[in-house]
């Protein structure tokens, strides 16, 4: 087996996430039977891509208070000290530490995720979904989809309740999904 090329389909340059055309979402099992989906509405990010993808850098910041699960009481509880504790930890941040190409359009991004005041490593699988040389406004764009999983208890979010069925109120396993449109900076 030959190693993956260090060249991928993301053009070189500095790219800023266009939050109006991007999504930062998550899903988690509730009561062991249904999936609750949520999103963060206020976020930003930057990609710095050179000729060799392994030297690229990715940065992101989310306003934790912008959580939206389409249920205001649940969102208020998620903002509390039981979960994100947005009063003491208003931001969720990510900074890449390694990028490993898997093929021309897919790579793994490992980095430090800081949430709830705790920093832990996480790996995301990222796929390039498209490159537009010029959008209708004259911008060069790239599309990326990222998927990862985490155990929320590793970030100090241990609130839970055992149910009579043996299930837990909220799963520790959380799937995160990013659908990113980024604009190349001049």
N, C-alpha and C. Protein backbone atom coordinates (compact mmCIF):
# COMPACT_ATOMS: atom_id res chain seq x y z
N UNK A 1 0.85 -1.18 0.00
CA UNK A 1 0.00 0.00 0.00
C UNK A 1 0.89 1.24 0.00
N UNK A 2 0.60 2.17 -0.87
CA UNK A 2 1.39 3.39 -0.93
C UNK A 2 0.78 4.44 -0.03
N UNK A 3 1.62 5.29 0.58
CA UNK A 3 1.08 6.32 1.45
C UNK A 3 0.28 7.34 0.65
N UNK A 4 -0.69 7.95 1.32
CA UNK A 4 -1.52 8.97 0.68
C UNK A 4 -0.67 10.17 0.30
N UNK A 5 -1.02 10.80 -0.79
CA UNK A 5 -0.34 12.00 -1.24
C UNK A 5 -0.55 13.11 -0.22
N UNK A 6 0.40 14.02 -0.15
CA UNK A 6 0.24 15.17 0.74
C UNK A 6 -0.44 16.33 0.02
N UNK A 7 -0.88 16.09 -1.21
CA UNK A 7 -1.62 17.09 -1.96
C UNK A 7 -3.09 16.69 -1.98
N UNK A 8 -3.95 17.59 -1.55
CA UNK A 8 -5.39 17.34 -1.59
C UNK A 8 -6.05 18.45 -2.39
N UNK A 9 -7.34 18.33 -2.55
CA UNK A 9 -8.06 19.23 -3.45
C UNK A 9 -8.40 20.60 -2.86
N UNK A 10 -7.91 20.92 -1.68
CA UNK A 10 -8.12 22.26 -1.11
C UNK A 10 -6.99 23.16 -1.61
N UNK A 11 -7.32 24.20 -2.37
CA UNK A 11 -6.28 25.10 -2.87
C UNK A 11 -5.53 25.82 -1.74
N UNK A 12 -4.29 26.19 -2.01
CA UNK A 12 -3.48 26.90 -1.02
C UNK A 12 -4.09 28.26 -0.73
N UNK A 13 -3.77 28.77 0.47
CA UNK A 13 -4.24 30.09 0.86
C UNK A 13 -4.85 30.08 2.24
N UNK A 14 -5.30 31.24 2.66
CA UNK A 14 -6.00 31.39 3.93
C UNK A 14 -7.48 31.52 3.63
N UNK A 15 -8.28 30.70 4.31
CA UNK A 15 -9.71 30.60 4.07
C UNK A 15 -10.46 30.94 5.35
N UNK A 16 -11.49 31.77 5.25
CA UNK A 16 -12.32 32.12 6.39
C UNK A 16 -13.69 31.46 6.23
N UNK A 17 -14.17 30.86 7.31
CA UNK A 17 -15.47 30.21 7.29
C UNK A 17 -16.55 31.27 7.10
N UNK A 18 -17.44 31.01 6.15
CA UNK A 18 -18.60 31.86 5.90
C UNK A 18 -19.74 31.29 6.74
N UNK A 19 -19.96 31.84 7.92
CA UNK A 19 -20.94 31.30 8.86
C UNK A 19 -22.36 31.33 8.30
N UNK A 20 -22.66 32.25 7.40
CA UNK A 20 -24.00 32.33 6.83
C UNK A 20 -24.31 31.15 5.91
N UNK A 21 -23.26 30.47 5.45
CA UNK A 21 -23.43 29.33 4.54
C UNK A 21 -22.80 28.06 5.11
N UNK A 22 -22.67 27.99 6.43
CA UNK A 22 -22.05 26.85 7.09
C UNK A 22 -22.88 26.43 8.29
N UNK A 23 -22.64 25.22 8.78
CA UNK A 23 -23.35 24.70 9.94
C UNK A 23 -22.40 23.98 10.87
N UNK A 24 -22.61 24.17 12.17
CA UNK A 24 -21.90 23.44 13.22
C UNK A 24 -22.99 22.75 14.04
N UNK A 25 -23.07 21.43 13.91
CA UNK A 25 -24.18 20.69 14.49
C UNK A 25 -23.68 19.51 15.33
N UNK A 26 -24.58 18.98 16.14
CA UNK A 26 -24.29 17.79 16.94
C UNK A 26 -25.55 16.97 17.09
N UNK A 27 -25.35 15.72 17.48
CA UNK A 27 -26.49 14.87 17.82
C UNK A 27 -26.08 13.94 18.96
N UNK A 28 -27.08 13.65 19.81
CA UNK A 28 -26.84 12.84 21.00
C UNK A 28 -28.13 12.08 21.32
N UNK A 29 -27.97 10.86 21.82
CA UNK A 29 -29.14 10.06 22.21
C UNK A 29 -29.76 10.62 23.48
N UNK A 30 -31.09 10.68 23.49
CA UNK A 30 -31.86 11.16 24.64
C UNK A 30 -32.76 10.02 25.11
N UNK A 31 -32.71 9.69 26.39
CA UNK A 31 -33.50 8.62 26.99
C UNK A 31 -33.16 7.25 26.39
N UNK A 32 -32.07 7.18 25.64
CA UNK A 32 -31.64 5.93 25.03
C UNK A 32 -32.48 5.51 23.85
N UNK A 33 -33.44 6.35 23.43
CA UNK A 33 -34.34 5.93 22.36
C UNK A 33 -34.45 6.92 21.20
N UNK A 34 -34.21 8.18 21.43
CA UNK A 34 -34.34 9.15 20.35
C UNK A 34 -33.06 9.97 20.24
N UNK A 35 -32.91 10.64 19.13
CA UNK A 35 -31.73 11.46 18.89
C UNK A 35 -32.13 12.93 18.93
N UNK A 36 -31.45 13.68 19.77
CA UNK A 36 -31.64 15.13 19.81
C UNK A 36 -30.56 15.75 18.95
N UNK A 37 -30.97 16.65 18.08
CA UNK A 37 -30.03 17.36 17.22
C UNK A 37 -29.98 18.82 17.66
N UNK A 38 -28.82 19.38 17.53
CA UNK A 38 -28.66 20.77 17.88
C UNK A 38 -27.60 21.42 17.02
N UNK A 39 -27.50 22.73 17.15
CA UNK A 39 -26.54 23.50 16.37
C UNK A 39 -26.05 24.67 17.21
N UNK A 40 -24.93 25.19 16.80
CA UNK A 40 -24.42 26.45 17.34
C UNK A 40 -24.59 27.48 16.24
N UNK A 41 -25.15 28.63 16.57
CA UNK A 41 -25.48 29.64 15.56
C UNK A 41 -24.41 30.72 15.39
N UNK A 42 -23.48 30.82 16.34
CA UNK A 42 -22.45 31.88 16.29
C UNK A 42 -21.07 31.21 16.36
N UNK A 43 -20.35 31.23 15.24
CA UNK A 43 -19.04 30.58 15.16
C UNK A 43 -18.20 31.24 14.08
N UNK A 44 -16.90 30.94 14.13
CA UNK A 44 -15.96 31.43 13.13
C UNK A 44 -14.84 30.42 12.98
N UNK A 45 -14.12 30.50 11.89
CA UNK A 45 -13.02 29.58 11.68
C UNK A 45 -12.11 30.04 10.56
N UNK A 46 -10.89 29.52 10.58
CA UNK A 46 -9.88 29.85 9.58
C UNK A 46 -9.12 28.59 9.21
N UNK A 47 -8.82 28.46 7.93
CA UNK A 47 -7.96 27.38 7.42
C UNK A 47 -6.76 28.02 6.75
N UNK A 48 -5.57 27.51 7.06
CA UNK A 48 -4.35 27.98 6.41
C UNK A 48 -3.76 26.79 5.68
N UNK A 49 -3.84 26.82 4.34
CA UNK A 49 -3.44 25.69 3.52
C UNK A 49 -2.21 26.05 2.70
N UNK A 50 -1.16 25.25 2.84
CA UNK A 50 0.05 25.41 2.04
C UNK A 50 0.13 24.34 0.97
N UNK A 51 1.29 24.23 0.32
CA UNK A 51 1.47 23.23 -0.73
C UNK A 51 1.40 21.80 -0.20
N UNK A 52 1.76 21.61 1.05
CA UNK A 52 1.73 20.29 1.68
C UNK A 52 0.63 20.32 2.75
N UNK A 53 -0.41 19.52 2.56
CA UNK A 53 -1.57 19.54 3.47
C UNK A 53 -1.16 19.19 4.90
N UNK A 54 -0.09 18.44 5.08
CA UNK A 54 0.30 18.06 6.44
C UNK A 54 0.79 19.24 7.27
N UNK A 55 1.08 20.37 6.61
CA UNK A 55 1.50 21.57 7.34
C UNK A 55 0.35 22.57 7.51
N UNK A 56 -0.83 22.21 7.03
CA UNK A 56 -1.98 23.10 7.13
C UNK A 56 -2.39 23.28 8.59
N UNK A 57 -3.15 24.33 8.84
CA UNK A 57 -3.67 24.63 10.17
C UNK A 57 -5.16 24.96 10.07
N UNK A 58 -5.90 24.55 11.08
CA UNK A 58 -7.33 24.86 11.16
C UNK A 58 -7.62 25.39 12.55
N UNK A 59 -8.40 26.45 12.61
CA UNK A 59 -8.78 27.08 13.87
C UNK A 59 -10.28 27.32 13.86
N UNK A 60 -10.90 27.19 15.01
CA UNK A 60 -12.32 27.49 15.10
C UNK A 60 -12.69 27.99 16.47
N UNK A 61 -13.74 28.80 16.53
CA UNK A 61 -14.26 29.30 17.80
C UNK A 61 -15.77 29.36 17.71
N UNK A 62 -16.42 28.83 18.76
CA UNK A 62 -17.88 28.80 18.84
C UNK A 62 -18.31 29.55 20.09
N UNK A 63 -19.34 30.36 19.96
CA UNK A 63 -19.97 30.99 21.12
C UNK A 63 -20.90 29.93 21.71
N UNK A 64 -20.53 29.36 22.87
CA UNK A 64 -21.29 28.26 23.46
C UNK A 64 -22.73 28.65 23.78
N UNK A 65 -22.98 29.91 24.08
CA UNK A 65 -24.33 30.36 24.40
C UNK A 65 -25.25 30.34 23.19
N UNK A 66 -24.69 30.20 22.00
CA UNK A 66 -25.50 30.20 20.78
C UNK A 66 -26.11 28.84 20.48
N UNK A 67 -26.05 27.91 21.43
CA UNK A 67 -26.61 26.58 21.24
C UNK A 67 -28.10 26.66 20.97
N UNK A 68 -28.57 25.82 20.04
CA UNK A 68 -29.98 25.82 19.64
C UNK A 68 -30.41 24.39 19.35
N UNK A 69 -31.27 23.83 20.22
CA UNK A 69 -31.81 22.49 20.01
C UNK A 69 -33.30 22.55 19.68
N UNK A 70 -33.78 23.75 19.41
CA UNK A 70 -35.19 23.96 19.08
C UNK A 70 -36.11 23.74 20.28
N UNK A 71 -35.56 23.89 21.48
CA UNK A 71 -36.34 23.73 22.73
C UNK A 71 -35.67 24.63 23.76
N UNK A 72 -36.27 25.78 24.06
CA UNK A 72 -35.61 26.82 24.87
C UNK A 72 -35.26 26.35 26.27
N UNK A 73 -36.09 25.56 26.94
CA UNK A 73 -35.74 25.09 28.29
C UNK A 73 -34.52 24.18 28.26
N UNK A 74 -34.46 23.30 27.27
CA UNK A 74 -33.29 22.43 27.13
C UNK A 74 -32.04 23.28 26.84
N UNK A 75 -32.17 24.27 25.96
CA UNK A 75 -31.03 25.13 25.64
C UNK A 75 -30.53 25.85 26.88
N UNK A 76 -31.44 26.35 27.71
CA UNK A 76 -31.04 27.02 28.95
C UNK A 76 -30.29 26.05 29.87
N UNK A 77 -30.77 24.81 29.95
CA UNK A 77 -30.08 23.81 30.78
C UNK A 77 -28.70 23.51 30.20
N UNK A 78 -28.58 23.41 28.89
CA UNK A 78 -27.28 23.15 28.27
C UNK A 78 -26.30 24.31 28.49
N UNK A 79 -26.81 25.52 28.65
CA UNK A 79 -25.94 26.68 28.92
C UNK A 79 -25.48 26.71 30.39
N UNK A 80 -26.15 25.96 31.25
CA UNK A 80 -25.86 25.99 32.69
C UNK A 80 -24.57 25.24 33.03
N UNK A 81 -24.20 25.29 34.31
CA UNK A 81 -22.99 24.63 34.80
C UNK A 81 -23.07 23.11 34.65
N UNK A 82 -24.26 22.53 34.50
CA UNK A 82 -24.39 21.08 34.27
C UNK A 82 -23.75 20.65 32.96
N UNK A 83 -23.70 21.57 31.99
CA UNK A 83 -23.17 21.22 30.67
C UNK A 83 -22.07 22.22 30.26
N UNK A 84 -22.39 23.20 29.42
CA UNK A 84 -21.36 24.08 28.86
C UNK A 84 -20.88 25.17 29.82
N UNK A 85 -21.66 25.51 30.83
CA UNK A 85 -21.28 26.54 31.79
C UNK A 85 -20.80 27.80 31.06
N UNK A 86 -21.69 28.35 30.24
CA UNK A 86 -21.31 29.46 29.37
C UNK A 86 -20.91 30.72 30.13
N UNK A 87 -21.36 30.85 31.37
CA UNK A 87 -20.96 32.02 32.15
C UNK A 87 -19.45 32.01 32.42
N UNK A 88 -18.92 30.84 32.77
CA UNK A 88 -17.49 30.72 33.05
C UNK A 88 -16.66 30.31 31.83
N UNK A 89 -17.30 29.67 30.86
CA UNK A 89 -16.59 29.16 29.67
C UNK A 89 -17.38 29.52 28.42
N UNK A 90 -17.33 30.79 28.01
CA UNK A 90 -18.18 31.25 26.91
C UNK A 90 -17.81 30.71 25.53
N UNK A 91 -16.56 30.27 25.35
CA UNK A 91 -16.11 29.84 24.02
C UNK A 91 -15.74 28.37 24.00
N UNK A 92 -16.00 27.75 22.87
CA UNK A 92 -15.49 26.43 22.53
C UNK A 92 -14.48 26.68 21.42
N UNK A 93 -13.25 26.18 21.58
CA UNK A 93 -12.23 26.46 20.57
C UNK A 93 -11.60 25.16 20.07
N UNK A 94 -11.07 25.23 18.86
CA UNK A 94 -10.36 24.12 18.25
C UNK A 94 -9.13 24.66 17.55
N UNK A 95 -8.01 23.94 17.70
CA UNK A 95 -6.79 24.26 16.97
C UNK A 95 -6.16 22.95 16.53
N UNK A 96 -5.94 22.81 15.24
CA UNK A 96 -5.38 21.56 14.72
C UNK A 96 -3.94 21.36 15.18
N UNK A 97 -3.58 20.09 15.34
CA UNK A 97 -2.21 19.73 15.68
C UNK A 97 -1.59 18.81 14.64
N UNK A 98 -2.42 18.14 13.83
CA UNK A 98 -1.92 17.25 12.77
C UNK A 98 -3.00 17.06 11.72
N UNK A 99 -2.56 17.01 10.47
CA UNK A 99 -3.46 16.73 9.36
C UNK A 99 -2.86 15.59 8.56
N UNK A 100 -3.66 14.56 8.35
CA UNK A 100 -3.19 13.36 7.66
C UNK A 100 -4.09 13.10 6.45
N UNK A 101 -3.54 13.15 5.23
CA UNK A 101 -4.37 12.86 4.06
C UNK A 101 -4.71 11.38 4.00
N UNK A 102 -5.95 11.08 3.62
CA UNK A 102 -6.38 9.71 3.41
C UNK A 102 -6.48 9.40 1.92
N UNK A 103 -6.93 10.38 1.14
CA UNK A 103 -6.92 10.32 -0.32
C UNK A 103 -7.01 11.76 -0.81
N UNK A 104 -7.24 11.95 -2.10
CA UNK A 104 -7.23 13.30 -2.66
C UNK A 104 -8.26 14.24 -2.05
N UNK A 105 -9.42 13.69 -1.64
CA UNK A 105 -10.50 14.53 -1.13
C UNK A 105 -10.78 14.37 0.36
N UNK A 106 -10.08 13.47 1.04
CA UNK A 106 -10.39 13.15 2.43
C UNK A 106 -9.13 13.19 3.28
N UNK A 107 -9.26 13.76 4.48
CA UNK A 107 -8.13 13.80 5.40
C UNK A 107 -8.63 13.79 6.83
N UNK A 108 -7.76 13.42 7.73
CA UNK A 108 -8.08 13.47 9.15
C UNK A 108 -7.42 14.70 9.74
N UNK A 109 -8.18 15.42 10.55
CA UNK A 109 -7.65 16.58 11.24
C UNK A 109 -7.72 16.28 12.74
N UNK A 110 -6.57 16.23 13.37
CA UNK A 110 -6.49 16.03 14.82
C UNK A 110 -6.15 17.37 15.43
N UNK A 111 -6.78 17.66 16.56
CA UNK A 111 -6.51 18.94 17.19
C UNK A 111 -6.99 18.97 18.62
N UNK A 112 -6.75 20.10 19.25
CA UNK A 112 -7.13 20.33 20.63
C UNK A 112 -8.48 21.05 20.67
N UNK A 113 -9.46 20.38 21.27
CA UNK A 113 -10.79 20.96 21.46
C UNK A 113 -10.90 21.40 22.91
N UNK A 114 -11.14 22.68 23.13
CA UNK A 114 -11.31 23.21 24.48
C UNK A 114 -12.79 23.55 24.65
N UNK A 115 -13.38 22.90 25.66
CA UNK A 115 -14.80 23.06 25.92
C UNK A 115 -15.00 22.88 27.41
N UNK A 116 -15.85 23.71 28.00
CA UNK A 116 -16.14 23.60 29.44
C UNK A 116 -14.86 23.73 30.27
N UNK A 117 -13.89 24.48 29.72
CA UNK A 117 -12.63 24.73 30.42
C UNK A 117 -11.63 23.60 30.36
N UNK A 118 -11.90 22.57 29.58
CA UNK A 118 -11.02 21.40 29.49
C UNK A 118 -10.58 21.22 28.04
N UNK A 119 -9.29 20.95 27.84
CA UNK A 119 -8.75 20.71 26.50
C UNK A 119 -8.43 19.23 26.35
N UNK A 120 -8.96 18.64 25.29
CA UNK A 120 -8.73 17.23 24.96
C UNK A 120 -8.52 17.12 23.45
N UNK A 121 -7.76 16.10 23.02
CA UNK A 121 -7.61 15.90 21.57
C UNK A 121 -8.87 15.28 20.96
N UNK A 122 -9.10 15.60 19.71
CA UNK A 122 -10.20 15.01 18.94
C UNK A 122 -9.73 14.89 17.49
N UNK A 123 -10.23 13.88 16.80
CA UNK A 123 -9.92 13.70 15.38
C UNK A 123 -11.21 13.76 14.58
N UNK A 124 -11.19 14.57 13.54
CA UNK A 124 -12.31 14.71 12.63
C UNK A 124 -11.91 14.16 11.26
N UNK A 125 -12.84 13.48 10.61
CA UNK A 125 -12.63 13.07 9.23
C UNK A 125 -13.26 14.15 8.35
N UNK A 126 -12.46 14.72 7.45
CA UNK A 126 -12.89 15.87 6.65
C UNK A 126 -12.84 15.49 5.17
N UNK A 127 -13.90 15.86 4.47
CA UNK A 127 -13.96 15.61 3.03
C UNK A 127 -14.17 16.93 2.30
N UNK A 128 -13.39 17.16 1.25
CA UNK A 128 -13.59 18.32 0.40
C UNK A 128 -14.80 18.03 -0.48
N UNK A 129 -15.81 18.89 -0.41
CA UNK A 129 -17.04 18.66 -1.17
C UNK A 129 -17.14 19.51 -2.42
N UNK A 130 -16.22 20.44 -2.59
CA UNK A 130 -16.23 21.23 -3.81
C UNK A 130 -15.37 22.47 -3.71
N UNK A 131 -14.95 22.94 -4.88
CA UNK A 131 -14.17 24.17 -4.98
C UNK A 131 -14.80 25.00 -6.09
N UNK A 132 -15.09 26.24 -5.79
CA UNK A 132 -15.66 27.16 -6.78
C UNK A 132 -14.63 28.25 -7.02
N UNK A 133 -14.14 28.33 -8.24
CA UNK A 133 -13.12 29.32 -8.57
C UNK A 133 -13.61 30.75 -8.39
N UNK A 134 -14.90 30.95 -8.68
CA UNK A 134 -15.46 32.29 -8.48
C UNK A 134 -16.96 32.16 -8.29
N UNK A 135 -17.42 32.58 -7.11
CA UNK A 135 -18.85 32.58 -6.85
C UNK A 135 -19.46 33.85 -7.48
N UNK A 136 -20.77 34.04 -7.42
CA UNK A 136 -21.38 35.23 -8.05
C UNK A 136 -20.88 36.57 -7.51
N UNK A 137 -20.19 36.56 -6.36
CA UNK A 137 -19.69 37.80 -5.77
C UNK A 137 -18.19 37.97 -5.97
N UNK A 138 -17.58 37.08 -6.78
CA UNK A 138 -16.16 37.19 -7.10
C UNK A 138 -15.23 36.50 -6.11
N UNK A 139 -15.77 35.70 -5.20
CA UNK A 139 -14.95 35.01 -4.20
C UNK A 139 -14.62 33.59 -4.63
N UNK A 140 -13.43 33.14 -4.27
CA UNK A 140 -13.09 31.73 -4.43
C UNK A 140 -13.54 31.02 -3.16
N UNK A 141 -14.21 29.87 -3.31
CA UNK A 141 -14.77 29.13 -2.18
C UNK A 141 -14.34 27.68 -2.20
N UNK A 142 -14.35 27.10 -1.00
CA UNK A 142 -14.15 25.66 -0.85
C UNK A 142 -15.21 25.15 0.12
N UNK A 143 -15.72 23.95 -0.16
CA UNK A 143 -16.69 23.31 0.72
C UNK A 143 -16.06 22.11 1.40
N UNK A 144 -16.33 21.96 2.69
CA UNK A 144 -15.78 20.87 3.48
C UNK A 144 -16.86 20.31 4.40
N UNK A 145 -16.86 19.00 4.57
CA UNK A 145 -17.72 18.36 5.56
C UNK A 145 -16.83 17.61 6.53
N UNK A 146 -17.06 17.79 7.83
CA UNK A 146 -16.26 17.13 8.86
C UNK A 146 -17.19 16.36 9.79
N UNK A 147 -16.72 15.21 10.22
CA UNK A 147 -17.50 14.37 11.12
C UNK A 147 -16.59 13.83 12.20
N UNK A 148 -17.06 13.83 13.43
CA UNK A 148 -16.28 13.30 14.55
C UNK A 148 -17.19 12.88 15.69
N UNK A 149 -16.59 12.18 16.64
CA UNK A 149 -17.33 11.74 17.83
C UNK A 149 -16.51 12.09 19.05
N UNK A 150 -17.22 12.34 20.14
CA UNK A 150 -16.55 12.61 21.40
C UNK A 150 -17.37 12.05 22.54
N UNK A 151 -16.72 11.93 23.68
CA UNK A 151 -17.35 11.52 24.93
C UNK A 151 -17.41 12.76 25.80
N UNK A 152 -18.61 13.31 25.98
CA UNK A 152 -18.76 14.60 26.67
C UNK A 152 -18.22 14.57 28.09
N UNK A 153 -18.20 13.41 28.74
CA UNK A 153 -17.69 13.32 30.11
C UNK A 153 -16.19 13.64 30.17
N UNK A 154 -15.46 13.45 29.05
CA UNK A 154 -14.03 13.79 29.02
C UNK A 154 -13.82 15.30 29.09
N UNK A 155 -14.86 16.06 28.86
CA UNK A 155 -14.81 17.53 28.98
C UNK A 155 -15.56 17.99 30.22
N UNK A 156 -15.72 17.10 31.19
CA UNK A 156 -16.31 17.46 32.47
C UNK A 156 -17.82 17.62 32.46
N UNK A 157 -18.48 17.19 31.41
CA UNK A 157 -19.95 17.28 31.34
C UNK A 157 -20.52 15.93 31.75
N UNK A 158 -20.75 15.79 33.04
CA UNK A 158 -21.15 14.49 33.58
C UNK A 158 -22.61 14.45 34.05
N UNK A 159 -23.34 15.53 33.89
CA UNK A 159 -24.74 15.52 34.31
C UNK A 159 -25.47 14.38 33.61
N UNK A 160 -26.24 13.61 34.39
CA UNK A 160 -27.03 12.54 33.82
C UNK A 160 -28.01 12.04 34.85
N UNK A 161 -28.88 11.16 34.42
CA UNK A 161 -29.85 10.55 35.32
C UNK A 161 -30.16 9.15 34.78
N UNK A 162 -30.05 8.14 35.65
CA UNK A 162 -30.41 6.78 35.27
C UNK A 162 -31.92 6.66 35.23
N UNK A 163 -32.41 5.96 34.23
CA UNK A 163 -33.85 5.77 34.07
C UNK A 163 -34.22 4.34 34.46
N UNK A 164 -35.48 4.11 34.75
CA UNK A 164 -35.95 2.80 35.16
C UNK A 164 -35.66 1.71 34.14
N UNK A 165 -35.56 2.07 32.87
CA UNK A 165 -35.29 1.10 31.80
C UNK A 165 -33.83 0.65 31.78
N UNK A 166 -32.98 1.34 32.54
CA UNK A 166 -31.55 1.08 32.47
C UNK A 166 -30.83 2.06 31.56
N UNK A 167 -31.58 2.80 30.76
CA UNK A 167 -30.99 3.82 29.89
C UNK A 167 -30.62 5.04 30.73
N UNK A 168 -29.79 5.87 30.14
CA UNK A 168 -29.44 7.14 30.75
C UNK A 168 -30.22 8.25 30.05
N UNK A 169 -30.44 9.35 30.77
CA UNK A 169 -31.18 10.46 30.20
C UNK A 169 -30.47 11.00 28.95
N UNK A 170 -29.14 11.17 29.04
CA UNK A 170 -28.36 11.72 27.94
C UNK A 170 -27.14 10.84 27.73
N UNK A 171 -26.90 10.44 26.51
CA UNK A 171 -25.72 9.63 26.19
C UNK A 171 -24.45 10.46 26.39
N UNK A 172 -23.38 9.79 26.76
CA UNK A 172 -22.08 10.45 26.81
C UNK A 172 -21.51 10.64 25.40
N UNK A 173 -21.92 9.78 24.47
CA UNK A 173 -21.40 9.83 23.10
C UNK A 173 -22.13 10.90 22.30
N UNK A 174 -21.36 11.78 21.70
CA UNK A 174 -21.90 12.89 20.91
C UNK A 174 -21.23 12.86 19.54
N UNK A 175 -22.04 12.97 18.50
CA UNK A 175 -21.52 13.07 17.14
C UNK A 175 -21.55 14.54 16.74
N UNK A 176 -20.43 15.01 16.20
CA UNK A 176 -20.38 16.40 15.73
C UNK A 176 -20.23 16.40 14.21
N UNK A 177 -20.86 17.38 13.60
CA UNK A 177 -20.87 17.47 12.14
C UNK A 177 -20.71 18.93 11.74
N UNK A 178 -19.77 19.17 10.84
CA UNK A 178 -19.53 20.52 10.33
C UNK A 178 -19.74 20.51 8.82
N UNK A 179 -20.49 21.44 8.33
CA UNK A 179 -20.67 21.63 6.90
C UNK A 179 -20.19 23.05 6.62
N UNK A 180 -19.02 23.16 6.02
CA UNK A 180 -18.33 24.43 5.94
C UNK A 180 -18.21 24.94 4.50
N UNK A 181 -18.52 26.21 4.34
CA UNK A 181 -18.21 26.95 3.13
C UNK A 181 -17.21 28.02 3.55
N UNK A 182 -16.04 28.00 2.94
CA UNK A 182 -14.99 28.96 3.32
C UNK A 182 -14.59 29.79 2.12
N UNK A 183 -14.27 31.04 2.39
CA UNK A 183 -13.92 32.01 1.35
C UNK A 183 -12.43 32.32 1.45
N UNK A 184 -11.75 32.28 0.30
CA UNK A 184 -10.31 32.58 0.27
C UNK A 184 -10.10 34.06 0.51
N UNK A 185 -9.14 34.35 1.38
CA UNK A 185 -8.80 35.74 1.71
C UNK A 185 -7.76 36.27 0.74
N UNK A 186 -7.82 37.55 0.46
CA UNK A 186 -6.88 38.19 -0.48
C UNK A 186 -5.48 38.23 0.09
